[in-house]
């Protein structure tokens, strides 16, 4: 389902009426910051996942090096 020009215009008019012209730049800035933080967090999670994957592969390749100590 795709939005046409009429729907997009209607949405923009409603946003303008609800928030006013002065608040829209603030909202856009907040959305931009939120998007940046989300992308940054996603990259951190991907990096940590890759590191864990590599560590698991190392253990699977050389299991004798990672045996628990005798108690």
N, C-alpha and C. Protein backbone atom coordinates (compact mmCIF):
# COMPACT_ATOMS: atom_id res chain seq x y z
N UNK A 1 0.85 -1.18 0.00
CA UNK A 1 0.00 0.00 0.00
C UNK A 1 0.89 1.24 0.00
N UNK A 2 0.63 2.10 -0.92
CA UNK A 2 1.45 3.28 -1.11
C UNK A 2 0.64 4.54 -0.83
N UNK A 3 1.31 5.54 -0.30
CA UNK A 3 0.65 6.82 -0.05
C UNK A 3 0.75 7.70 -1.29
N UNK A 4 -0.36 8.29 -1.65
CA UNK A 4 -0.38 9.21 -2.78
C UNK A 4 -0.07 10.62 -2.31
N UNK A 5 -0.02 11.54 -3.26
CA UNK A 5 0.29 12.93 -2.94
C UNK A 5 -0.79 13.55 -2.06
N UNK A 6 -2.04 13.14 -2.26
CA UNK A 6 -3.14 13.69 -1.45
C UNK A 6 -3.00 13.28 0.01
N UNK A 7 -2.68 12.01 0.25
CA UNK A 7 -2.53 11.53 1.62
C UNK A 7 -1.35 12.20 2.31
N UNK A 8 -0.25 12.34 1.60
CA UNK A 8 0.94 12.97 2.18
C UNK A 8 0.65 14.43 2.52
N UNK A 9 -0.03 15.13 1.61
CA UNK A 9 -0.39 16.53 1.86
C UNK A 9 -1.31 16.65 3.07
N UNK A 10 -2.27 15.78 3.18
CA UNK A 10 -3.19 15.79 4.31
C UNK A 10 -2.44 15.55 5.63
N UNK A 11 -1.52 14.61 5.62
CA UNK A 11 -0.73 14.33 6.82
C UNK A 11 0.10 15.54 7.22
N UNK A 12 0.74 16.18 6.25
CA UNK A 12 1.55 17.36 6.53
C UNK A 12 0.71 18.51 7.08
N UNK A 13 -0.49 18.71 6.55
CA UNK A 13 -1.38 19.76 7.04
C UNK A 13 -1.80 19.48 8.47
N UNK A 14 -2.13 18.24 8.77
CA UNK A 14 -2.52 17.87 10.13
C UNK A 14 -1.36 18.09 11.10
N UNK A 15 -0.16 17.71 10.71
CA UNK A 15 1.02 17.92 11.56
C UNK A 15 1.23 19.41 11.79
N UNK A 16 1.10 20.20 10.74
CA UNK A 16 1.27 21.65 10.87
C UNK A 16 0.23 22.25 11.81
N UNK A 17 -1.01 21.78 11.71
CA UNK A 17 -2.07 22.29 12.59
C UNK A 17 -1.86 21.86 14.04
N UNK A 18 -1.42 20.63 14.23
CA UNK A 18 -1.24 20.12 15.60
C UNK A 18 -0.06 20.76 16.31
N UNK A 19 1.05 20.89 15.62
CA UNK A 19 2.28 21.32 16.28
C UNK A 19 2.66 22.76 16.01
N UNK A 20 2.16 23.35 14.96
CA UNK A 20 2.53 24.72 14.64
C UNK A 20 3.86 24.79 13.91
N UNK A 21 4.07 25.89 13.25
CA UNK A 21 5.28 26.05 12.44
C UNK A 21 6.57 26.10 13.22
N UNK A 22 6.52 26.60 14.45
CA UNK A 22 7.73 26.74 15.25
C UNK A 22 8.22 25.41 15.82
N UNK A 23 7.31 24.50 16.07
CA UNK A 23 7.68 23.23 16.70
C UNK A 23 8.18 22.19 15.70
N UNK A 24 7.84 22.35 14.44
CA UNK A 24 8.21 21.33 13.44
C UNK A 24 9.73 21.17 13.32
N UNK A 25 10.53 22.24 13.28
CA UNK A 25 11.99 22.04 13.24
C UNK A 25 12.52 21.32 14.47
N UNK A 26 11.94 21.60 15.63
CA UNK A 26 12.35 20.90 16.86
C UNK A 26 12.04 19.41 16.75
N UNK A 27 10.86 19.10 16.25
CA UNK A 27 10.47 17.70 16.09
C UNK A 27 11.36 16.99 15.08
N UNK A 28 11.66 17.67 13.98
CA UNK A 28 12.54 17.08 12.97
C UNK A 28 13.93 16.83 13.53
N UNK A 29 14.43 17.76 14.31
CA UNK A 29 15.75 17.61 14.93
C UNK A 29 15.74 16.42 15.90
N UNK A 30 14.68 16.31 16.69
CA UNK A 30 14.58 15.20 17.64
C UNK A 30 14.50 13.87 16.91
N UNK A 31 13.75 13.82 15.81
CA UNK A 31 13.67 12.59 15.02
C UNK A 31 15.03 12.23 14.42
N UNK A 32 15.76 13.24 13.97
CA UNK A 32 17.10 12.99 13.42
C UNK A 32 18.05 12.43 14.46
N UNK A 33 18.02 13.01 15.66
CA UNK A 33 18.87 12.51 16.75
C UNK A 33 18.49 11.09 17.14
N UNK A 34 17.18 10.83 17.21
CA UNK A 34 16.72 9.49 17.56
C UNK A 34 17.15 8.48 16.51
N UNK A 35 17.06 8.86 15.24
CA UNK A 35 17.49 7.98 14.16
C UNK A 35 18.98 7.70 14.25
N UNK A 36 19.78 8.73 14.53
CA UNK A 36 21.22 8.57 14.67
C UNK A 36 21.56 7.63 15.82
N UNK A 37 20.91 7.83 16.97
CA UNK A 37 21.17 6.98 18.13
C UNK A 37 20.77 5.53 17.86
N UNK A 38 19.66 5.35 17.14
CA UNK A 38 19.23 3.99 16.80
C UNK A 38 20.26 3.31 15.91
N UNK A 39 20.75 4.01 14.90
CA UNK A 39 21.75 3.43 14.00
C UNK A 39 23.04 3.12 14.75
N UNK A 40 23.43 4.01 15.67
CA UNK A 40 24.65 3.80 16.45
C UNK A 40 24.50 2.55 17.34
N UNK A 41 23.35 2.43 17.99
CA UNK A 41 23.11 1.27 18.85
C UNK A 41 23.08 -0.01 18.02
N UNK A 42 22.49 0.06 16.84
CA UNK A 42 22.43 -1.11 15.96
C UNK A 42 23.83 -1.56 15.56
N UNK A 43 24.72 -0.60 15.28
CA UNK A 43 26.10 -0.94 14.92
C UNK A 43 26.84 -1.58 16.09
N UNK A 44 26.61 -1.07 17.30
CA UNK A 44 27.26 -1.63 18.49
C UNK A 44 26.79 -3.07 18.70
N UNK A 45 25.51 -3.30 18.57
CA UNK A 45 24.96 -4.65 18.76
C UNK A 45 25.52 -5.58 17.69
N UNK A 46 25.60 -5.11 16.44
CA UNK A 46 26.14 -5.95 15.38
C UNK A 46 27.60 -6.29 15.65
N UNK A 47 28.38 -5.31 16.12
CA UNK A 47 29.79 -5.55 16.42
C UNK A 47 29.93 -6.58 17.54
N UNK A 48 29.13 -6.44 18.60
CA UNK A 48 29.20 -7.39 19.71
C UNK A 48 28.76 -8.78 19.27
N UNK A 49 27.76 -8.85 18.42
CA UNK A 49 27.30 -10.14 17.91
C UNK A 49 28.38 -10.81 17.08
N UNK A 50 29.06 -10.04 16.24
CA UNK A 50 30.14 -10.59 15.43
C UNK A 50 31.29 -11.09 16.32
N UNK A 51 31.61 -10.34 17.38
CA UNK A 51 32.66 -10.76 18.29
C UNK A 51 32.30 -12.06 18.99
N UNK A 52 31.04 -12.18 19.43
CA UNK A 52 30.60 -13.42 20.07
C UNK A 52 30.62 -14.59 19.10
N UNK A 53 30.21 -14.33 17.87
CA UNK A 53 30.22 -15.37 16.84
C UNK A 53 31.65 -15.86 16.60
N UNK A 54 32.60 -14.92 16.52
CA UNK A 54 33.99 -15.29 16.32
C UNK A 54 34.52 -16.10 17.51
N UNK A 55 34.14 -15.70 18.72
CA UNK A 55 34.59 -16.42 19.91
C UNK A 55 34.03 -17.84 19.92
N UNK A 56 32.78 -18.00 19.54
CA UNK A 56 32.18 -19.34 19.49
C UNK A 56 32.86 -20.19 18.44
N UNK A 57 33.17 -19.60 17.30
CA UNK A 57 33.88 -20.36 16.26
C UNK A 57 35.26 -20.78 16.73
N UNK A 58 35.95 -19.93 17.50
CA UNK A 58 37.26 -20.28 18.04
C UNK A 58 37.15 -21.48 18.98
N UNK A 59 36.14 -21.48 19.82
CA UNK A 59 35.94 -22.58 20.76
C UNK A 59 35.63 -23.87 20.00
N UNK A 60 34.84 -23.77 18.96
CA UNK A 60 34.49 -24.96 18.19
C UNK A 60 35.69 -25.51 17.43
N UNK A 61 36.59 -24.65 16.98
CA UNK A 61 37.76 -25.09 16.24
C UNK A 61 38.81 -25.72 17.15
N UNK A 62 38.97 -25.19 18.37
CA UNK A 62 40.00 -25.69 19.30
C UNK A 62 39.38 -25.93 20.68
N UNK A 63 38.53 -26.93 20.80
CA UNK A 63 37.84 -27.13 22.09
C UNK A 63 38.79 -27.53 23.23
N UNK A 64 39.92 -28.15 22.92
CA UNK A 64 40.84 -28.58 23.99
C UNK A 64 41.45 -27.39 24.74
N UNK A 65 41.55 -26.26 24.11
CA UNK A 65 42.11 -25.07 24.75
C UNK A 65 41.13 -24.42 25.71
N UNK A 66 39.86 -24.75 25.60
CA UNK A 66 38.84 -24.06 26.39
C UNK A 66 38.12 -24.98 27.37
N UNK A 67 38.78 -26.09 27.78
CA UNK A 67 38.17 -26.99 28.76
C UNK A 67 38.19 -26.32 30.13
N UNK A 68 37.11 -26.51 30.92
CA UNK A 68 37.09 -25.93 32.27
C UNK A 68 38.15 -26.58 33.16
N UNK A 69 38.65 -25.83 34.11
CA UNK A 69 39.65 -26.33 35.05
C UNK A 69 39.04 -27.37 35.98
N UNK A 70 39.85 -28.34 36.40
CA UNK A 70 39.38 -29.32 37.37
C UNK A 70 39.20 -28.66 38.72
N UNK A 71 38.14 -29.02 39.41
CA UNK A 71 37.86 -28.43 40.71
C UNK A 71 38.47 -29.23 41.80
